[in-house]
Amino acid sequence: MLNSINNKTFALFDNPINKKLAAAVENSGAKLLKFPPIEAEKVVLNENSTELLKNLDRFDWIIFPDVLTVEFFLECLEENQIDAFELDAIRVCALGESVSDRLRFGQLHADLLPRRIDAENVLSSLKNYAAGDEFADLSFLLIVENSFGSAIKDELIKAGAIVSELPIYRIKLTKKAEIGKLKALLKGGAIDEFIFSAPTDFISLKYIFKAEPLARIFSEIKVSAVDGATLQIVREHHIKRADLFRLEKLDKV
């Protein structure tokens, strides 16, 4: 058993919530690769963005792709003295259970929660929800990270919808060389099992790998999640080889 665990390589994001987990993996004799956390900061809204924020009632739908878009959007509402209840008349689409939960914590309700969060499935869910409306006449506001490309935006435009984007936060990348090396190891098959522990893990990987679907990146890698909520996010990304991580398994590898 000892040789087996010594030959296995785990990976996770190096953040405070993973401190005990990382120590347990290392103490088991396994090799552990730690991805440095990626920081995020709120974007200073320009005149156009401020105008969008102050005229939310012009939109039929608002789409939140991740938990950070919700966090920073709520901050911007407060800073601009906009009551969140003004969104009651607008349909809200949350891409994932964790996003819906964060909206609920901010006293906002998600009208639509697609089972899968890839662009095609999101578009299909939106069309099904709006079956009685003329889709081409609907207006959408996407709350986005400053540099992410939006496949959902492309799909909506193809379907004839009117789409605006509101960049609300940006990713800060400091350890580029270290992340580049770890990225190569992950894609090269050097990692046996990746452990997810937070919704921001997925945002970080989306930034690192740009437009490449996580399902493809992890198609040959075992994936674990520290709890049921995180496992749900894994499934929303259509990553198949995944289950809950148990510390006891380190003694059984």
Protein backbone atom coordinates (compact mmCIF):
# COMPACT_ATOMS: atom_id res chain seq x y z
CA MET A 1 0.00 0.00 0.00
CA LEU A 2 2.83 2.37 0.87
CA ASN A 3 4.38 2.05 -2.57
CA SER A 4 1.01 2.64 -4.17
CA ILE A 5 0.35 5.93 -2.36
CA ASN A 6 3.94 7.04 -2.88
CA ASN A 7 3.44 6.67 -6.62
CA LYS A 8 0.32 8.83 -6.73
CA THR A 9 0.21 12.57 -7.45
CA PHE A 10 -2.63 14.76 -6.18
CA ALA A 11 -3.30 18.41 -7.00
CA LEU A 12 -5.41 21.16 -5.45
CA PHE A 13 -5.49 24.92 -5.04
CA ASP A 14 -3.29 26.28 -2.29
CA ASN A 15 -5.65 28.27 -0.09
CA PRO A 16 -6.51 28.41 3.64
CA ILE A 17 -9.50 26.07 3.42
CA ASN A 18 -7.24 23.36 1.98
CA LYS A 19 -4.52 23.62 4.65
CA LYS A 20 -5.53 20.52 6.64
CA LEU A 21 -6.36 18.55 3.51
CA ALA A 22 -2.99 19.37 1.93
CA ALA A 23 -1.18 18.32 5.10
CA ALA A 24 -3.07 15.00 5.21
CA VAL A 25 -2.19 14.21 1.59
CA GLU A 26 1.48 15.06 2.12
CA ASN A 27 1.64 13.06 5.36
CA SER A 28 0.27 10.02 3.54
CA GLY A 29 3.42 9.89 1.42
CA ALA A 30 1.72 10.95 -1.80
CA LYS A 31 3.07 13.74 -3.96
CA LEU A 32 1.04 16.95 -3.89
CA LEU A 33 1.06 19.77 -6.45
CA LYS A 34 -0.39 23.05 -5.22
CA PHE A 35 -1.89 25.48 -7.71
CA PRO A 36 -1.44 29.06 -6.46
CA PRO A 37 -4.74 30.84 -5.87
CA ILE A 38 -5.75 33.46 -8.41
CA GLU A 39 -6.93 36.77 -7.01
CA ALA A 40 -9.91 38.76 -8.26
CA GLU A 41 -10.70 42.46 -7.94
CA LYS A 42 -13.72 44.57 -8.75
CA VAL A 43 -13.59 46.55 -11.99
CA VAL A 44 -14.00 50.32 -11.75
CA LEU A 45 -17.11 50.91 -13.83
CA ASN A 46 -16.79 53.23 -16.80
CA GLU A 47 -19.58 55.53 -17.95
CA ASN A 48 -21.18 52.89 -20.17
CA SER A 49 -21.12 50.22 -17.45
CA THR A 50 -22.58 52.60 -14.89
CA GLU A 51 -25.36 53.43 -17.35
CA LEU A 52 -26.16 49.72 -17.74
CA LEU A 53 -26.23 49.23 -13.97
CA LYS A 54 -28.57 52.16 -13.42
CA ASN A 55 -30.97 51.04 -16.15
CA LEU A 56 -31.41 47.36 -15.41
CA ASP A 57 -35.11 47.55 -16.15
CA ARG A 58 -34.34 47.77 -19.87
CA PHE A 59 -33.31 44.08 -19.82
CA ASP A 60 -35.50 40.99 -19.90
CA TRP A 61 -32.78 38.72 -18.51
CA ILE A 62 -29.61 38.94 -16.42
CA ILE A 63 -27.16 36.03 -16.58
CA PHE A 64 -24.65 35.32 -13.79
CA PRO A 65 -21.92 32.84 -14.90
CA ASP A 66 -20.13 32.38 -11.55
CA VAL A 67 -20.19 33.27 -7.85
CA LEU A 68 -17.77 36.17 -8.24
CA THR A 69 -20.03 37.93 -10.74
CA VAL A 70 -22.72 37.84 -8.05
CA GLU A 71 -20.35 39.04 -5.30
CA PHE A 72 -19.09 42.04 -7.23
CA PHE A 73 -22.47 42.84 -8.80
CA LEU A 74 -24.04 43.14 -5.34
CA GLU A 75 -21.17 45.39 -4.25
CA CYS A 76 -21.73 47.65 -7.24
CA LEU A 77 -25.46 47.86 -6.53
CA GLU A 78 -24.72 48.99 -3.00
CA GLU A 79 -22.08 51.51 -4.06
CA ASN A 80 -24.46 53.04 -6.59
CA GLN A 81 -27.37 53.02 -4.12
CA ILE A 82 -29.45 50.68 -6.27
CA ASP A 83 -31.95 48.51 -4.43
CA ALA A 84 -31.65 44.82 -5.34
CA PHE A 85 -35.44 44.60 -5.29
CA GLU A 86 -35.41 46.55 -8.57
CA LEU A 87 -34.43 43.23 -10.18
CA ASP A 88 -37.73 41.61 -9.23
CA ALA A 89 -39.22 42.28 -12.66
CA ILE A 90 -36.18 40.89 -14.50
CA ARG A 91 -35.62 37.19 -15.17
CA VAL A 92 -32.38 35.87 -13.68
CA CYS A 93 -30.36 32.93 -15.02
CA ALA A 94 -27.75 31.40 -12.68
CA LEU A 95 -25.14 29.09 -14.15
CA GLY A 96 -24.88 26.57 -11.34
CA GLU A 97 -26.27 25.76 -7.91
CA SER A 98 -23.50 27.69 -6.14
CA VAL A 99 -24.37 30.81 -8.14
CA SER A 100 -28.05 30.39 -7.30
CA ASP A 101 -27.18 29.96 -3.61
CA ARG A 102 -25.10 33.15 -3.60
CA LEU A 103 -27.95 35.05 -5.25
CA ARG A 104 -30.35 33.73 -2.62
CA PHE A 105 -27.97 34.87 0.13
CA GLY A 106 -28.15 38.34 -1.43
CA GLN A 107 -31.96 38.11 -1.46
CA LEU A 108 -32.13 37.59 -5.21
CA HIS A 109 -33.99 34.76 -6.89
CA ALA A 110 -32.79 32.70 -9.86
CA ASP A 111 -35.65 32.05 -12.28
CA LEU A 112 -33.64 29.61 -14.37
CA LEU A 113 -30.93 27.14 -13.34
CA PRO A 114 -29.73 25.10 -16.36
CA ARG A 115 -28.65 21.53 -15.59
CA ARG A 116 -25.52 22.00 -17.73
CA ILE A 117 -23.63 25.27 -18.03
CA ASP A 118 -22.08 24.95 -21.50
CA ALA A 119 -23.30 27.57 -23.98
CA GLU A 120 -25.51 25.28 -26.05
CA ASN A 121 -27.39 23.90 -23.05
CA VAL A 122 -27.80 27.35 -21.51
CA LEU A 123 -29.28 28.65 -24.77
CA SER A 124 -31.60 25.65 -25.01
CA SER A 125 -32.79 26.19 -21.42
CA LEU A 126 -33.41 29.88 -22.06
CA LYS A 127 -35.38 29.14 -25.22
CA ASN A 128 -37.50 26.52 -23.43
CA TYR A 129 -38.22 28.94 -20.60
CA ALA A 130 -39.15 31.72 -23.03
CA ALA A 131 -41.23 29.43 -25.25
CA GLY A 132 -44.12 31.87 -25.31
CA ASP A 133 -41.98 34.88 -26.17
CA GLU A 134 -40.28 36.01 -29.35
CA PHE A 135 -36.69 35.13 -28.42
CA ALA A 136 -35.21 37.56 -30.94
CA ASP A 137 -36.95 40.41 -29.14
CA LEU A 138 -35.46 39.61 -25.73
CA SER A 139 -32.66 41.67 -24.21
CA PHE A 140 -29.92 40.03 -22.11
CA LEU A 141 -27.32 41.44 -19.73
CA LEU A 142 -24.29 39.21 -19.09
CA ILE A 143 -22.35 39.93 -15.90
CA VAL A 144 -18.78 38.89 -16.75
CA GLU A 145 -15.12 38.81 -15.79
CA ASN A 146 -13.16 41.49 -17.64
CA SER A 147 -11.17 39.18 -19.93
CA PHE A 148 -13.27 36.02 -20.36
CA GLY A 149 -14.64 35.36 -23.81
CA SER A 150 -18.33 34.50 -23.74
CA ALA A 151 -19.56 31.56 -25.79
CA ILE A 152 -23.01 32.18 -24.31
CA LYS A 153 -22.99 35.70 -25.75
CA ASP A 154 -22.13 34.28 -29.18
CA GLU A 155 -24.96 31.74 -29.00
CA LEU A 156 -27.49 34.37 -27.92
CA ILE A 157 -26.52 36.70 -30.74
CA LYS A 158 -26.79 33.86 -33.26
CA ALA A 159 -30.32 33.26 -31.95
CA GLY A 160 -31.18 36.90 -32.61
CA ALA A 161 -31.21 38.14 -29.01
CA ILE A 162 -29.97 41.59 -27.99
CA VAL A 163 -26.93 41.17 -25.71
CA SER A 164 -24.97 43.59 -23.52
CA GLU A 165 -22.02 42.75 -21.26
CA LEU A 166 -21.17 44.26 -17.90
CA PRO A 167 -17.55 43.49 -16.89
CA ILE A 168 -17.72 43.43 -13.10
CA TYR A 169 -14.39 41.92 -11.97
CA ARG A 170 -10.95 40.99 -13.26
CA ILE A 171 -8.56 38.15 -12.49
CA LYS A 172 -5.11 39.01 -11.14
CA LEU A 173 -2.40 36.53 -12.12
CA THR A 174 0.89 36.91 -10.24
CA LYS A 175 2.73 33.56 -10.38
CA LYS A 176 2.59 33.10 -14.15
CA ALA A 177 5.67 30.87 -14.47
CA GLU A 178 4.53 28.55 -11.67
CA ILE A 179 1.00 28.32 -13.08
CA GLY A 180 2.37 27.67 -16.57
CA LYS A 181 4.41 24.74 -15.28
CA LEU A 182 1.48 23.26 -13.36
CA LYS A 183 -0.78 23.71 -16.38
CA ALA A 184 1.67 21.71 -18.49
CA LEU A 185 1.83 18.94 -15.85
CA LEU A 186 -1.96 18.73 -15.70
CA LYS A 187 -2.37 18.54 -19.46
CA GLY A 188 0.56 16.16 -19.75
CA GLY A 189 -1.01 13.54 -17.49
CA ALA A 190 1.35 13.98 -14.55
CA ILE A 191 -1.52 14.37 -12.08
CA ASP A 192 -3.49 11.31 -10.97
CA GLU A 193 -6.22 13.07 -9.00
CA PHE A 194 -7.37 16.69 -8.76
CA ILE A 195 -9.23 17.74 -5.61
CA PHE A 196 -11.77 20.57 -5.88
CA SER A 197 -12.80 22.44 -2.74
CA ALA A 198 -14.51 25.70 -3.76
CA PRO A 199 -16.47 27.36 -6.60
CA THR A 200 -13.54 29.69 -7.22
CA ASP A 201 -11.38 26.68 -8.21
CA PHE A 202 -13.41 26.41 -11.39
CA ILE A 203 -13.15 30.13 -12.12
CA SER A 204 -9.37 29.94 -11.74
CA LEU A 205 -9.10 26.96 -14.10
CA LYS A 206 -11.36 28.67 -16.62
CA TYR A 207 -8.94 31.59 -16.61
CA ILE A 208 -5.86 29.37 -16.86
CA PHE A 209 -7.20 27.24 -19.72
CA LYS A 210 -9.22 30.00 -21.45
CA ALA A 211 -11.89 28.56 -23.76
CA GLU A 212 -10.98 24.87 -23.37
CA PRO A 213 -13.81 22.94 -21.65
CA LEU A 214 -12.88 21.51 -18.25
CA ALA A 215 -14.59 18.25 -19.22
CA ARG A 216 -11.95 17.77 -21.91
CA ILE A 217 -9.05 18.75 -19.67
CA PHE A 218 -10.10 16.29 -16.97
CA SER A 219 -11.29 13.50 -19.25
CA GLU A 220 -8.38 11.24 -18.24
CA ILE A 221 -7.86 12.50 -14.69
CA LYS A 222 -9.60 11.34 -11.53
CA VAL A 223 -11.48 14.20 -9.88
CA SER A 224 -12.63 14.51 -6.27
CA ALA A 225 -14.70 17.12 -4.46
CA VAL A 226 -14.51 17.86 -0.74
CA ASP A 227 -18.29 18.16 -0.32
CA GLY A 228 -21.59 17.63 -2.10
CA ALA A 229 -21.95 21.26 -3.20
CA THR A 230 -18.56 21.21 -4.90
CA LEU A 231 -19.31 17.84 -6.48
CA GLN A 232 -22.44 19.39 -7.97
CA ILE A 233 -20.30 22.05 -9.68
CA VAL A 234 -18.06 19.29 -11.05
CA ARG A 235 -21.11 17.62 -12.57
CA GLU A 236 -22.38 20.91 -14.00
CA HIS A 237 -19.11 21.07 -15.94
CA HIS A 238 -19.85 17.55 -17.23
CA ILE A 239 -16.71 16.09 -15.63
CA LYS A 240 -17.51 12.40 -15.37
CA ARG A 241 -14.75 10.67 -13.40
CA ALA A 242 -15.60 12.31 -10.07
CA ASP A 243 -16.72 11.46 -6.56
CA LEU A 244 -16.41 12.75 -3.00
CA PHE A 245 -12.94 12.84 -1.47
CA ARG A 246 -12.50 10.98 1.81
CA LEU A 247 -9.36 11.25 3.90
CA GLU A 248 -9.69 7.56 4.79
CA LYS A 249 -8.96 6.61 1.19
CA LEU A 250 -5.37 7.79 1.62
CA ASP A 251 -4.78 4.71 3.75
CA LYS A 252 -6.31 2.44 1.14
CA VAL A 253 -4.61 3.60 -2.06
